[in-house]
mmCIF file of all heavy atoms, coordinates in Angstrom:
data_MODEL
# 
_entry.id   MODEL 
# 
loop_
_atom_site.group_PDB 
_atom_site.id 
_atom_site.type_symbol 
_atom_site.label_atom_id 
_atom_site.label_alt_id 
_atom_site.label_comp_id 
_atom_site.label_asym_id 
_atom_site.label_entity_id 
_atom_site.label_seq_id 
_atom_site.pdbx_PDB_ins_code 
_atom_site.Cartn_x 
_atom_site.Cartn_y 
_atom_site.Cartn_z 
_atom_site.occupancy 
_atom_site.B_iso_or_equiv 
_atom_site.pdbx_formal_charge 
_atom_site.auth_seq_id 
_atom_site.auth_comp_id 
_atom_site.auth_asym_id 
_atom_site.auth_atom_id 
_atom_site.pdbx_PDB_model_num 
ATOM 1   N N   . GLN A 1 1  ? -4.320  -20.563 8.439  1.00 0.00 ? 1  GLN A N   1 
ATOM 2   C CA  . GLN A 1 1  ? -5.724  -20.363 8.245  1.00 0.00 ? 1  GLN A CA  1 
ATOM 3   C C   . GLN A 1 1  ? -6.443  -21.712 8.116  1.00 0.00 ? 1  GLN A C   1 
ATOM 4   O O   . GLN A 1 1  ? -5.946  -22.654 7.517  1.00 0.00 ? 1  GLN A O   1 
ATOM 5   C CB  . GLN A 1 1  ? -5.938  -19.491 6.936  1.00 0.00 ? 1  GLN A CB  1 
ATOM 6   C CG  . GLN A 1 1  ? -5.346  -18.126 6.988  1.00 0.00 ? 1  GLN A CG  1 
ATOM 7   C CD  . GLN A 1 1  ? -5.955  -17.282 8.054  1.00 0.00 ? 1  GLN A CD  1 
ATOM 8   O OE1 . GLN A 1 1  ? -7.174  -17.132 8.092  1.00 0.00 ? 1  GLN A OE1 1 
ATOM 9   N NE2 . GLN A 1 1  ? -5.173  -16.704 8.945  1.00 0.00 ? 1  GLN A NE2 1 
ATOM 10  N N   . ILE A 1 2  ? -7.657  -21.748 8.642  1.00 0.00 ? 2  ILE A N   1 
ATOM 11  C CA  . ILE A 1 2  ? -8.530  -22.927 8.529  1.00 0.00 ? 2  ILE A CA  1 
ATOM 12  C C   . ILE A 1 2  ? -9.100  -23.049 7.104  1.00 0.00 ? 2  ILE A C   1 
ATOM 13  O O   . ILE A 1 2  ? -9.703  -22.064 6.638  1.00 0.00 ? 2  ILE A O   1 
ATOM 14  C CB  . ILE A 1 2  ? -9.679  -22.852 9.524  1.00 0.00 ? 2  ILE A CB  1 
ATOM 15  C CG1 . ILE A 1 2  ? -9.228  -22.630 10.933 1.00 0.00 ? 2  ILE A CG1 1 
ATOM 16  C CG2 . ILE A 1 2  ? -10.562 -24.106 9.397  1.00 0.00 ? 2  ILE A CG2 1 
ATOM 17  C CD1 . ILE A 1 2  ? -10.323 -22.282 11.874 1.00 0.00 ? 2  ILE A CD1 1 
ATOM 18  N N   . PRO A 1 3  ? -8.956  -24.126 6.451  1.00 0.00 ? 3  PRO A N   1 
ATOM 19  C CA  . PRO A 1 3  ? -9.555  -24.287 5.114  1.00 0.00 ? 3  PRO A CA  1 
ATOM 20  C C   . PRO A 1 3  ? -11.079 -24.152 5.255  1.00 0.00 ? 3  PRO A C   1 
ATOM 21  O O   . PRO A 1 3  ? -11.711 -24.735 6.175  1.00 0.00 ? 3  PRO A O   1 
ATOM 22  C CB  . PRO A 1 3  ? -9.144  -25.681 4.676  1.00 0.00 ? 3  PRO A CB  1 
ATOM 23  C CG  . PRO A 1 3  ? -7.915  -26.000 5.439  1.00 0.00 ? 3  PRO A CG  1 
ATOM 24  C CD  . PRO A 1 3  ? -8.100  -25.295 6.770  1.00 0.00 ? 3  PRO A CD  1 
ATOM 25  N N   . LEU A 1 4  ? -11.703 -23.439 4.326  1.00 0.00 ? 4  LEU A N   1 
ATOM 26  C CA  . LEU A 1 4  ? -13.174 -23.247 4.366  1.00 0.00 ? 4  LEU A CA  1 
ATOM 27  C C   . LEU A 1 4  ? -13.852 -24.472 3.733  1.00 0.00 ? 4  LEU A C   1 
ATOM 28  O O   . LEU A 1 4  ? -14.977 -24.759 4.052  1.00 0.00 ? 4  LEU A O   1 
ATOM 29  C CB  . LEU A 1 4  ? -13.551 -22.004 3.659  1.00 0.00 ? 4  LEU A CB  1 
ATOM 30  C CG  . LEU A 1 4  ? -12.984 -20.721 4.306  1.00 0.00 ? 4  LEU A CG  1 
ATOM 31  C CD1 . LEU A 1 4  ? -13.399 -19.463 3.509  1.00 0.00 ? 4  LEU A CD1 1 
ATOM 32  C CD2 . LEU A 1 4  ? -13.416 -20.593 5.731  1.00 0.00 ? 4  LEU A CD2 1 
ATOM 33  N N   . GLY A 1 5  ? -13.208 -25.132 2.754  1.00 0.00 ? 5  GLY A N   1 
ATOM 34  C CA  . GLY A 1 5  ? -13.751 -26.253 2.116  1.00 0.00 ? 5  GLY A CA  1 
ATOM 35  C C   . GLY A 1 5  ? -12.962 -27.544 2.416  1.00 0.00 ? 5  GLY A C   1 
ATOM 36  O O   . GLY A 1 5  ? -11.974 -27.481 3.103  1.00 0.00 ? 5  GLY A O   1 
ATOM 37  N N   . PRO A 1 6  ? -13.412 -28.582 1.858  1.00 0.00 ? 6  PRO A N   1 
ATOM 38  C CA  . PRO A 1 6  ? -12.725 -29.866 2.090  1.00 0.00 ? 6  PRO A CA  1 
ATOM 39  C C   . PRO A 1 6  ? -11.355 -29.871 1.364  1.00 0.00 ? 6  PRO A C   1 
ATOM 40  O O   . PRO A 1 6  ? -11.272 -29.351 0.255  1.00 0.00 ? 6  PRO A O   1 
ATOM 41  C CB  . PRO A 1 6  ? -13.634 -30.925 1.475  1.00 0.00 ? 6  PRO A CB  1 
ATOM 42  C CG  . PRO A 1 6  ? -14.514 -30.181 0.508  1.00 0.00 ? 6  PRO A CG  1 
ATOM 43  C CD  . PRO A 1 6  ? -14.597 -28.765 1.016  1.00 0.00 ? 6  PRO A CD  1 
ATOM 44  N N   . VAL A 1 7  ? -10.332 -30.356 2.048  1.00 0.00 ? 7  VAL A N   1 
ATOM 45  C CA  . VAL A 1 7  ? -9.007  -30.479 1.454  1.00 0.00 ? 7  VAL A CA  1 
ATOM 46  C C   . VAL A 1 7  ? -8.483  -31.908 1.719  1.00 0.00 ? 7  VAL A C   1 
ATOM 47  O O   . VAL A 1 7  ? -8.843  -32.520 2.746  1.00 0.00 ? 7  VAL A O   1 
ATOM 48  C CB  . VAL A 1 7  ? -8.054  -29.445 2.041  1.00 0.00 ? 7  VAL A CB  1 
ATOM 49  C CG1 . VAL A 1 7  ? -8.456  -28.081 1.655  1.00 0.00 ? 7  VAL A CG1 1 
ATOM 50  C CG2 . VAL A 1 7  ? -7.886  -29.580 3.538  1.00 0.00 ? 7  VAL A CG2 1 
ATOM 51  N N   . SER A 1 8  ? -7.706  -32.397 0.777  1.00 0.00 ? 8  SER A N   1 
ATOM 52  C CA  . SER A 1 8  ? -7.177  -33.724 0.946  1.00 0.00 ? 8  SER A CA  1 
ATOM 53  C C   . SER A 1 8  ? -5.718  -33.756 1.496  1.00 0.00 ? 8  SER A C   1 
ATOM 54  O O   . SER A 1 8  ? -5.287  -34.801 1.882  1.00 0.00 ? 8  SER A O   1 
ATOM 55  C CB  . SER A 1 8  ? -7.208  -34.477 -0.398 1.00 0.00 ? 8  SER A CB  1 
ATOM 56  O OG  . SER A 1 8  ? -6.424  -33.735 -1.354 1.00 0.00 ? 8  SER A OG  1 
ATOM 57  N N   . GLY A 1 9  ? -5.102  -32.606 1.550  1.00 0.00 ? 9  GLY A N   1 
ATOM 58  C CA  . GLY A 1 9  ? -3.729  -32.579 2.002  1.00 0.00 ? 9  GLY A CA  1 
ATOM 59  C C   . GLY A 1 9  ? -3.669  -32.554 3.509  1.00 0.00 ? 9  GLY A C   1 
ATOM 60  O O   . GLY A 1 9  ? -4.632  -32.338 4.252  1.00 0.00 ? 9  GLY A O   1 
ATOM 61  N N   . PRO A 1 10 ? -2.432  -32.755 4.061  1.00 0.00 ? 10 PRO A N   1 
ATOM 62  C CA  . PRO A 1 10 ? -2.246  -32.782 5.459  1.00 0.00 ? 10 PRO A CA  1 
ATOM 63  C C   . PRO A 1 10 ? -2.372  -31.347 6.057  1.00 0.00 ? 10 PRO A C   1 
ATOM 64  O O   . PRO A 1 10 ? -1.998  -30.368 5.436  1.00 0.00 ? 10 PRO A O   1 
ATOM 65  C CB  . PRO A 1 10 ? -0.816  -33.289 5.634  1.00 0.00 ? 10 PRO A CB  1 
ATOM 66  C CG  . PRO A 1 10 ? -0.149  -32.908 4.355  1.00 0.00 ? 10 PRO A CG  1 
ATOM 67  C CD  . PRO A 1 10 ? -1.213  -32.977 3.322  1.00 0.00 ? 10 PRO A CD  1 
ATOM 68  N N   . LEU A 1 11 ? -2.848  -31.261 7.308  1.00 0.00 ? 11 LEU A N   1 
ATOM 69  C CA  . LEU A 1 11 ? -3.007  -30.039 8.039  1.00 0.00 ? 11 LEU A CA  1 
ATOM 70  C C   . LEU A 1 11 ? -2.137  -30.171 9.303  1.00 0.00 ? 11 LEU A C   1 
ATOM 71  O O   . LEU A 1 11 ? -2.075  -31.246 9.921  1.00 0.00 ? 11 LEU A O   1 
ATOM 72  C CB  . LEU A 1 11 ? -4.430  -29.743 8.404  1.00 0.00 ? 11 LEU A CB  1 
ATOM 73  C CG  . LEU A 1 11 ? -5.401  -29.543 7.268  1.00 0.00 ? 11 LEU A CG  1 
ATOM 74  C CD1 . LEU A 1 11 ? -6.854  -29.403 7.790  1.00 0.00 ? 11 LEU A CD1 1 
ATOM 75  C CD2 . LEU A 1 11 ? -5.022  -28.343 6.386  1.00 0.00 ? 11 LEU A CD2 1 
ATOM 76  N N   . SER A 1 12 ? -1.498  -29.076 9.709  1.00 0.00 ? 12 SER A N   1 
ATOM 77  C CA  . SER A 1 12 ? -0.689  -29.097 10.925 1.00 0.00 ? 12 SER A CA  1 
ATOM 78  C C   . SER A 1 12 ? -1.589  -29.368 12.146 1.00 0.00 ? 12 SER A C   1 
ATOM 79  O O   . SER A 1 12 ? -2.810  -29.185 12.089 1.00 0.00 ? 12 SER A O   1 
ATOM 80  C CB  . SER A 1 12 ? -0.004  -27.754 11.119 1.00 0.00 ? 12 SER A CB  1 
ATOM 81  O OG  . SER A 1 12 ? -0.900  -26.733 11.438 1.00 0.00 ? 12 SER A OG  1 
ATOM 82  N N   . VAL A 1 13 ? -0.995  -29.757 13.177 1.00 0.00 ? 13 VAL A N   1 
ATOM 83  C CA  . VAL A 1 13 ? -1.737  -30.032 14.439 1.00 0.00 ? 13 VAL A CA  1 
ATOM 84  C C   . VAL A 1 13 ? -2.458  -28.740 14.877 1.00 0.00 ? 13 VAL A C   1 
ATOM 85  O O   . VAL A 1 13 ? -3.619  -28.796 15.311 1.00 0.00 ? 13 VAL A O   1 
ATOM 86  C CB  . VAL A 1 13 ? -0.806  -30.499 15.583 1.00 0.00 ? 13 VAL A CB  1 
ATOM 87  C CG1 . VAL A 1 13 ? -1.472  -30.576 16.932 1.00 0.00 ? 13 VAL A CG1 1 
ATOM 88  C CG2 . VAL A 1 13 ? -0.210  -31.871 15.215 1.00 0.00 ? 13 VAL A CG2 1 
ATOM 89  N N   . GLU A 1 14 ? -1.807  -27.565 14.687 1.00 0.00 ? 14 GLU A N   1 
ATOM 90  C CA  . GLU A 1 14 ? -2.429  -26.267 15.079 1.00 0.00 ? 14 GLU A CA  1 
ATOM 91  C C   . GLU A 1 14 ? -3.653  -26.005 14.279 1.00 0.00 ? 14 GLU A C   1 
ATOM 92  O O   . GLU A 1 14 ? -4.714  -25.589 14.828 1.00 0.00 ? 14 GLU A O   1 
ATOM 93  C CB  . GLU A 1 14 ? -1.426  -25.160 14.878 1.00 0.00 ? 14 GLU A CB  1 
ATOM 94  C CG  . GLU A 1 14 ? -0.235  -25.321 15.826 1.00 0.00 ? 14 GLU A CG  1 
ATOM 95  C CD  . GLU A 1 14 ? 0.996   -24.564 15.303 1.00 0.00 ? 14 GLU A CD  1 
ATOM 96  O OE1 . GLU A 1 14 ? 1.193   -24.554 14.066 1.00 0.00 ? 14 GLU A OE1 1 
ATOM 97  O OE2 . GLU A 1 14 ? 1.733   -24.034 16.080 1.00 0.00 ? 14 GLU A OE2 1 
ATOM 98  N N   . VAL A 1 15 ? -3.595  -26.218 12.951 1.00 0.00 ? 15 VAL A N   1 
ATOM 99  C CA  . VAL A 1 15 ? -4.730  -25.973 12.054 1.00 0.00 ? 15 VAL A CA  1 
ATOM 100 C C   . VAL A 1 15 ? -5.845  -26.987 12.365 1.00 0.00 ? 15 VAL A C   1 
ATOM 101 O O   . VAL A 1 15 ? -7.043  -26.676 12.414 1.00 0.00 ? 15 VAL A O   1 
ATOM 102 C CB  . VAL A 1 15 ? -4.325  -25.972 10.604 1.00 0.00 ? 15 VAL A CB  1 
ATOM 103 C CG1 . VAL A 1 15 ? -5.559  -25.870 9.716  1.00 0.00 ? 15 VAL A CG1 1 
ATOM 104 C CG2 . VAL A 1 15 ? -3.380  -24.840 10.343 1.00 0.00 ? 15 VAL A CG2 1 
ATOM 105 N N   . GLN A 1 16 ? -5.485  -28.226 12.669 1.00 0.00 ? 16 GLN A N   1 
ATOM 106 C CA  . GLN A 1 16 ? -6.489  -29.250 13.027 1.00 0.00 ? 16 GLN A CA  1 
ATOM 107 C C   . GLN A 1 16 ? -7.251  -28.856 14.261 1.00 0.00 ? 16 GLN A C   1 
ATOM 108 O O   . GLN A 1 16 ? -8.454  -28.974 14.346 1.00 0.00 ? 16 GLN A O   1 
ATOM 109 C CB  . GLN A 1 16 ? -5.816  -30.610 13.197 1.00 0.00 ? 16 GLN A CB  1 
ATOM 110 C CG  . GLN A 1 16 ? -5.338  -31.229 11.931 1.00 0.00 ? 16 GLN A CG  1 
ATOM 111 C CD  . GLN A 1 16 ? -4.573  -32.554 12.170 1.00 0.00 ? 16 GLN A CD  1 
ATOM 112 O OE1 . GLN A 1 16 ? -4.689  -33.172 13.189 1.00 0.00 ? 16 GLN A OE1 1 
ATOM 113 N NE2 . GLN A 1 16 ? -3.790  -32.923 11.198 1.00 0.00 ? 16 GLN A NE2 1 
ATOM 114 N N   . GLN A 1 17 ? -6.527  -28.296 15.316 1.00 0.00 ? 17 GLN A N   1 
ATOM 115 C CA  . GLN A 1 17 ? -7.214  -27.856 16.503 1.00 0.00 ? 17 GLN A CA  1 
ATOM 116 C C   . GLN A 1 17 ? -8.170  -26.723 16.224 1.00 0.00 ? 17 GLN A C   1 
ATOM 117 O O   . GLN A 1 17 ? -9.267  -26.684 16.691 1.00 0.00 ? 17 GLN A O   1 
ATOM 118 C CB  . GLN A 1 17 ? -6.149  -27.431 17.569 1.00 0.00 ? 17 GLN A CB  1 
ATOM 119 C CG  . GLN A 1 17 ? -6.839  -26.953 18.874 1.00 0.00 ? 17 GLN A CG  1 
ATOM 120 C CD  . GLN A 1 17 ? -5.813  -26.470 19.887 1.00 0.00 ? 17 GLN A CD  1 
ATOM 121 O OE1 . GLN A 1 17 ? -4.839  -25.786 19.543 1.00 0.00 ? 17 GLN A OE1 1 
ATOM 122 N NE2 . GLN A 1 17 ? -6.078  -26.763 21.123 1.00 0.00 ? 17 GLN A NE2 1 
ATOM 123 N N   . LEU A 1 18 ? -7.716  -25.756 15.426 1.00 0.00 ? 18 LEU A N   1 
ATOM 124 C CA  . LEU A 1 18 ? -8.574  -24.688 15.033 1.00 0.00 ? 18 LEU A CA  1 
ATOM 125 C C   . LEU A 1 18 ? -9.816  -25.183 14.273 1.00 0.00 ? 18 LEU A C   1 
ATOM 126 O O   . LEU A 1 18 ? -10.914 -24.732 14.510 1.00 0.00 ? 18 LEU A O   1 
ATOM 127 C CB  . LEU A 1 18 ? -7.842  -23.599 14.145 1.00 0.00 ? 18 LEU A CB  1 
ATOM 128 C CG  . LEU A 1 18 ? -6.690  -22.846 14.821 1.00 0.00 ? 18 LEU A CG  1 
ATOM 129 C CD1 . LEU A 1 18 ? -6.012  -22.007 13.831 1.00 0.00 ? 18 LEU A CD1 1 
ATOM 130 C CD2 . LEU A 1 18 ? -7.255  -21.983 15.930 1.00 0.00 ? 18 LEU A CD2 1 
ATOM 131 N N   . ALA A 1 19 ? -9.619  -26.119 13.378 1.00 0.00 ? 19 ALA A N   1 
ATOM 132 C CA  . ALA A 1 19 ? -10.710 -26.679 12.622 1.00 0.00 ? 19 ALA A CA  1 
ATOM 133 C C   . ALA A 1 19 ? -11.670 -27.420 13.499 1.00 0.00 ? 19 ALA A C   1 
ATOM 134 O O   . ALA A 1 19 ? -12.900 -27.310 13.320 1.00 0.00 ? 19 ALA A O   1 
ATOM 135 C CB  . ALA A 1 19 ? -10.143 -27.635 11.535 1.00 0.00 ? 19 ALA A CB  1 
ATOM 136 N N   . ASP A 1 20 ? -11.158 -28.099 14.541 1.00 0.00 ? 20 ASP A N   1 
ATOM 137 C CA  . ASP A 1 20 ? -12.048 -28.759 15.499 1.00 0.00 ? 20 ASP A CA  1 
ATOM 138 C C   . ASP A 1 20 ? -12.877 -27.725 16.229 1.00 0.00 ? 20 ASP A C   1 
ATOM 139 O O   . ASP A 1 20 ? -14.103 -27.902 16.408 1.00 0.00 ? 20 ASP A O   1 
ATOM 140 C CB  . ASP A 1 20 ? -11.265 -29.607 16.520 1.00 0.00 ? 20 ASP A CB  1 
ATOM 141 C CG  . ASP A 1 20 ? -10.626 -30.825 15.963 1.00 0.00 ? 20 ASP A CG  1 
ATOM 142 O OD1 . ASP A 1 20 ? -10.993 -31.242 14.815 1.00 0.00 ? 20 ASP A OD1 1 
ATOM 143 O OD2 . ASP A 1 20 ? -9.722  -31.377 16.566 1.00 0.00 ? 20 ASP A OD2 1 
ATOM 144 N N   . TRP A 1 21 ? -12.249 -26.637 16.657 1.00 0.00 ? 21 TRP A N   1 
ATOM 145 C CA  . TRP A 1 21 ? -13.032 -25.584 17.347 1.00 0.00 ? 21 TRP A CA  1 
ATOM 146 C C   . TRP A 1 21 ? -14.047 -24.962 16.413 1.00 0.00 ? 21 TRP A C   1 
ATOM 147 O O   . TRP A 1 21 ? -15.169 -24.632 16.841 1.00 0.00 ? 21 TRP A O   1 
ATOM 148 C CB  . TRP A 1 21 ? -12.088 -24.467 17.836 1.00 0.00 ? 21 TRP A CB  1 
ATOM 149 C CG  . TRP A 1 21 ? -11.282 -24.838 19.076 1.00 0.00 ? 21 TRP A CG  1 
ATOM 150 C CD1 . TRP A 1 21 ? -11.595 -25.835 19.969 1.00 0.00 ? 21 TRP A CD1 1 
ATOM 151 C CD2 . TRP A 1 21 ? -10.086 -24.242 19.500 1.00 0.00 ? 21 TRP A CD2 1 
ATOM 152 N NE1 . TRP A 1 21 ? -10.626 -25.867 20.954 1.00 0.00 ? 21 TRP A NE1 1 
ATOM 153 C CE2 . TRP A 1 21 ? -9.689  -24.890 20.709 1.00 0.00 ? 21 TRP A CE2 1 
ATOM 154 C CE3 . TRP A 1 21 ? -9.276  -23.208 19.014 1.00 0.00 ? 21 TRP A CE3 1 
ATOM 155 C CZ2 . TRP A 1 21 ? -8.576  -24.572 21.359 1.00 0.00 ? 21 TRP A CZ2 1 
ATOM 156 C CZ3 . TRP A 1 21 ? -8.159  -22.906 19.689 1.00 0.00 ? 21 TRP A CZ3 1 
ATOM 157 C CH2 . TRP A 1 21 ? -7.800  -23.545 20.851 1.00 0.00 ? 21 TRP A CH2 1 
ATOM 158 N N   . ALA A 1 22 ? -13.681 -24.788 15.181 1.00 0.00 ? 22 ALA A N   1 
ATOM 159 C CA  . ALA A 1 22 ? -14.542 -24.167 14.125 1.00 0.00 ? 22 ALA A CA  1 
ATOM 160 C C   . ALA A 1 22 ? -15.792 -25.077 13.885 1.00 0.00 ? 22 ALA A C   1 
ATOM 161 O O   . ALA A 1 22 ? -16.857 -24.544 13.572 1.00 0.00 ? 22 ALA A O   1 
ATOM 162 C CB  . ALA A 1 22 ? -13.807 -23.895 12.850 1.00 0.00 ? 22 ALA A CB  1 
ATOM 163 N N   . ARG A 1 23 ? -15.647 -26.388 13.966 1.00 0.00 ? 23 ARG A N   1 
ATOM 164 C CA  . ARG A 1 23 ? -16.773 -27.274 13.782 1.00 0.00 ? 23 ARG A CA  1 
ATOM 165 C C   . ARG A 1 23 ? -17.845 -27.146 14.847 1.00 0.00 ? 23 ARG A C   1 
ATOM 166 O O   . ARG A 1 23 ? -18.959 -27.517 14.695 1.00 0.00 ? 23 ARG A O   1 
ATOM 167 C CB  . ARG A 1 23 ? -16.265 -28.730 13.685 1.00 0.00 ? 23 ARG A CB  1 
ATOM 168 C CG  . ARG A 1 23 ? -15.801 -29.127 12.315 1.00 0.00 ? 23 ARG A CG  1 
ATOM 169 C CD  . ARG A 1 23 ? -15.585 -30.636 12.113 1.00 0.00 ? 23 ARG A CD  1 
ATOM 170 N NE  . ARG A 1 23 ? -14.323 -31.065 12.787 1.00 0.00 ? 23 ARG A NE  1 
ATOM 171 C CZ  . ARG A 1 23 ? -13.128 -30.895 12.256 1.00 0.00 ? 23 ARG A CZ  1 
ATOM 172 N NH1 . ARG A 1 23 ? -12.993 -30.278 11.086 1.00 0.00 ? 23 ARG A NH1 1 
ATOM 173 N NH2 . ARG A 1 23 ? -12.015 -31.372 12.880 1.00 0.00 ? 23 ARG A NH2 1 
ATOM 174 N N   . GLU A 1 24 ? -17.434 -26.577 15.995 1.00 0.00 ? 24 GLU A N   1 
ATOM 175 C CA  . GLU A 1 24 ? -18.343 -26.304 17.085 1.00 0.00 ? 24 GLU A CA  1 
ATOM 176 C C   . GLU A 1 24 ? -18.796 -24.813 17.101 1.00 0.00 ? 24 GLU A C   1 
ATOM 177 O O   . GLU A 1 24 ? -18.996 -24.230 18.163 1.00 0.00 ? 24 GLU A O   1 
ATOM 178 C CB  . GLU A 1 24 ? -17.617 -26.621 18.431 1.00 0.00 ? 24 GLU A CB  1 
ATOM 179 C CG  . GLU A 1 24 ? -17.104 -27.990 18.504 1.00 0.00 ? 24 GLU A CG  1 
ATOM 180 C CD  . GLU A 1 24 ? -16.170 -28.239 19.698 1.00 0.00 ? 24 GLU A CD  1 
ATOM 181 O OE1 . GLU A 1 24 ? -15.669 -27.274 20.233 1.00 0.00 ? 24 GLU A OE1 1 
ATOM 182 O OE2 . GLU A 1 24 ? -15.946 -29.412 20.082 1.00 0.00 ? 24 GLU A OE2 1 
ATOM 183 N N   . THR A 1 25 ? -18.960 -24.248 15.918 1.00 0.00 ? 25 THR A N   1 
ATOM 184 C CA  . THR A 1 25 ? -19.214 -22.823 15.832 1.00 0.00 ? 25 THR A CA  1 
ATOM 185 C C   . THR A 1 25 ? -20.605 -22.455 16.315 1.00 0.00 ? 25 THR A C   1 
ATOM 186 O O   . THR A 1 25 ? -21.597 -23.152 16.090 1.00 0.00 ? 25 THR A O   1 
ATOM 187 C CB  . THR A 1 25 ? -19.136 -22.389 14.349 1.00 0.00 ? 25 THR A CB  1 
ATOM 188 O OG1 . THR A 1 25 ? -17.757 -22.642 13.863 1.00 0.00 ? 25 THR A OG1 1 
ATOM 189 C CG2 . THR A 1 25 ? -19.428 -20.940 14.164 1.00 0.00 ? 25 THR A CG2 1 
ATOM 190 N N   . ALA A 1 26 ? -20.609 -21.349 17.141 1.00 0.00 ? 26 ALA A N   1 
ATOM 191 C CA  . ALA A 1 26 ? -21.857 -20.835 17.641 1.00 0.00 ? 26 ALA A CA  1 
ATOM 192 C C   . ALA A 1 26 ? -22.599 -20.109 16.472 1.00 0.00 ? 26 ALA A C   1 
ATOM 193 O O   . ALA A 1 26 ? -21.973 -19.501 15.650 1.00 0.00 ? 26 ALA A O   1 
ATOM 194 C CB  . ALA A 1 26 ? -21.601 -19.838 18.774 1.00 0.00 ? 26 ALA A CB  1 
ATOM 195 N N   . ASP A 1 27 ? -23.906 -20.178 16.505 1.00 0.00 ? 27 ASP A N   1 
ATOM 196 C CA  . ASP A 1 27 ? -24.718 -19.450 15.518 1.00 0.00 ? 27 ASP A CA  1 
ATOM 197 C C   . ASP A 1 27 ? -24.792 -18.007 15.945 1.00 0.00 ? 27 ASP A C   1 
ATOM 198 O O   . ASP A 1 27 ? -25.347 -17.679 17.018 1.00 0.00 ? 27 ASP A O   1 
ATOM 199 C CB  . ASP A 1 27 ? -26.158 -20.102 15.421 1.00 0.00 ? 27 ASP A CB  1 
ATOM 200 C CG  . ASP A 1 27 ? -27.000 -19.360 14.417 1.00 0.00 ? 27 ASP A CG  1 
ATOM 201 O OD1 . ASP A 1 27 ? -26.524 -18.479 13.711 1.00 0.00 ? 27 ASP A OD1 1 
ATOM 202 O OD2 . ASP A 1 27 ? -28.194 -19.760 14.308 1.00 0.00 ? 27 ASP A OD2 1 
ATOM 203 N N   . MET A 1 28 ? -24.208 -17.156 15.122 1.00 0.00 ? 28 MET A N   1 
ATOM 204 C CA  . MET A 1 28 ? -24.149 -15.751 15.493 1.00 0.00 ? 28 MET A CA  1 
ATOM 205 C C   . MET A 1 28 ? -24.990 -14.834 14.613 1.00 0.00 ? 28 MET A C   1 
ATOM 206 O O   . MET A 1 28 ? -24.881 -13.632 14.603 1.00 0.00 ? 28 MET A O   1 
ATOM 207 C CB  . MET A 1 28 ? -22.671 -15.283 15.417 1.00 0.00 ? 28 MET A CB  1 
ATOM 208 C CG  . MET A 1 28 ? -21.821 -16.025 16.421 1.00 0.00 ? 28 MET A CG  1 
ATOM 209 S SD  . MET A 1 28 ? -20.105 -15.415 16.618 1.00 0.00 ? 28 MET A SD  1 
ATOM 210 C CE  . MET A 1 28 ? -19.575 -14.921 14.986 1.00 0.00 ? 28 MET A CE  1 
# 
């Protein structure tokens, strides 16, 4: 799952990719 808030711990490459996509979220 993508963290909803800021986190200081490491994220897997998969979660980082999802988080990158999430930062480009469409306004729905």
